[in-house]
C-alpha atoms as a PDB file:
ATOM      1  CA  MET A   1      25.407  30.723  12.769  1.00  0.00           C
ATOM      2  CA  GLU A   2      25.360  27.368  14.283  1.00  0.00           C
ATOM      3  CA  GLN A   3      21.946  28.152  15.585  1.00  0.00           C
ATOM      4  CA  VAL A   4      20.571  28.681  11.949  1.00  0.00           C
ATOM      5  CA  TYR A   5      22.334  25.516  10.828  1.00  0.00           C
ATOM      6  CA  ALA A   6      20.773  23.711  13.374  1.00  0.00           C
ATOM      7  CA  ASN A   7      17.173  25.010  12.460  1.00  0.00           C
ATOM      8  CA  SER A   8      17.415  24.275   8.877  1.00  0.00           C
ATOM      9  CA  ASN A   9      18.800  20.747   9.933  1.00  0.00           C
ATOM     10  CA  ARG A  10      15.681  20.277  11.772  1.00  0.00           C
ATOM     11  CA  GLU A  11      13.480  21.538   8.970  1.00  0.00           C
ATOM     12  CA  LEU A  12      15.498  19.002   6.578  1.00  0.00           C
ATOM     13  CA  LEU A  13      14.623  16.142   9.071  1.00  0.00           C
ATOM     14  CA  SER A  14      10.922  17.006   9.617  1.00  0.00           C
ATOM     15  CA  PHE A  15      10.567  17.069   5.764  1.00  0.00           C
ATOM     16  CA  LEU A  16      12.587  13.548   5.287  1.00  0.00           C
ATOM     17  CA  ILE A  17       9.960  12.235   7.803  1.00  0.00           C
ATOM     18  CA  ILE A  18       6.969  13.714   6.260  1.00  0.00           C
ATOM     19  CA  LEU A  19       8.152  12.476   2.846  1.00  0.00           C
ATOM     20  CA  PHE A  20       8.946   9.068   4.333  1.00  0.00           C
ATOM     21  CA  PHE A  21       5.466   8.767   5.906  1.00  0.00           C
ATOM     22  CA  SER A  22       3.783   9.871   2.884  1.00  0.00           C
ATOM     23  CA  GLN A  23       5.798   7.153   0.527  1.00  0.00           C
ATOM     24  CA  LEU A  24       4.915   4.683   3.284  1.00  0.00           C
ATOM     25  CA  TYR A  25       1.283   5.513   3.183  1.00  0.00           C
ATOM     26  CA  TYR A  26       1.148   5.589  -0.534  1.00  0.00           C
ATOM     27  CA  PHE A  27       3.019   2.083  -0.720  1.00  0.00           C
ATOM     28  CA  SER A  28       0.637   0.337   1.880  1.00  0.00           C
ATOM     29  CA  PHE A  29      -2.372   1.739  -0.305  1.00  0.00           C
ATOM     30  CA  ILE A  30      -1.275   0.128  -3.297  1.00  0.00           C
ATOM     31  CA  LEU A  31      -0.259  -2.849  -1.588  1.00  0.00           C
ATOM     32  CA  GLU A  32      -4.003  -3.062   0.079  1.00  0.00           C
ATOM     33  CA  ARG A  33      -5.410  -2.686  -3.759  1.00  0.00           C
ATOM     34  CA  LYS A  34      -3.378  -5.317  -5.090  1.00  0.00           C
ATOM     35  CA  GLN A  35      -4.231  -7.578  -2.048  1.00  0.00           C
ATOM     36  CA  HIS A  36      -8.236  -6.882  -2.567  1.00  0.00           C
ATOM     37  CA  GLU A  37      -7.775  -7.425  -6.495  1.00  0.00           C
ATOM     38  CA  ASN A  38      -6.021 -10.867  -5.329  1.00  0.00           C
ATOM     39  CA  VAL A  39      -8.898 -11.876  -2.961  1.00  0.00           C
ATOM     40  CA  HIS A  40     -11.430 -10.687  -5.791  1.00  0.00           C
ATOM     41  CA  PHE A  41      -9.737 -12.824  -8.088  1.00  0.00           C
ATOM     42  CA  PHE A  42      -9.474 -15.561  -5.764  1.00  0.00           C
ATOM     43  CA  THR A  43     -13.289 -15.538  -4.841  1.00  0.00           C
ATOM     44  CA  TYR A  44     -13.842 -15.169  -8.735  1.00  0.00           C
ATOM     45  CA  PHE A  45     -11.884 -18.163  -9.358  1.00  0.00           C
ATOM     46  CA  CYS A  46     -13.046 -20.340  -6.534  1.00  0.00           C
ATOM     47  CA  GLY A  47     -16.895 -19.257  -7.731  1.00  0.00           C
ATOM     48  CA  ARG A  48     -16.024 -20.317 -11.344  1.00  0.00           C
ATOM     49  CA  LEU A  49     -14.697 -23.701 -10.210  1.00  0.00           C
ATOM     50  CA  PHE A  50     -17.493 -24.475  -7.784  1.00  0.00           C
ATOM     51  CA  TYR A  51     -19.870 -23.004 -10.825  1.00  0.00           C
ATOM     52  CA  ASN A  52     -18.371 -25.674 -13.310  1.00  0.00           C
ATOM     53  CA  GLY A  53     -18.035 -28.518 -10.910  1.00  0.00           C
ATOM     54  CA  SER A  54     -21.848 -28.295 -10.035  1.00  0.00           C
ATOM     55  CA  ARG A  55     -22.563 -27.684 -13.821  1.00  0.00           C
ATOM     56  CA  VAL A  56     -20.608 -31.078 -14.413  1.00  0.00           C
ATOM     57  CA  THR A  57     -22.250 -33.294 -11.915  1.00  0.00           C
END
C-alpha cells in the first residue's frame, strides 16, 4: 500500500514539475515578446525623433 502511495506521489511531483516548467517557459516567451515590442517601439521612437529633428534643421 505504501509503495503505491509513493508511486502516485512521485507521478504527481513530476507532473507538477512539468507544469511549472511549461508555465515558466510560457511566461518567459510572453516577457520576451513584450521586450521585443518595447525595443521596436524604442527604435521607432528614436527614428521618428531623429527624422523630425533632421527635418527641422
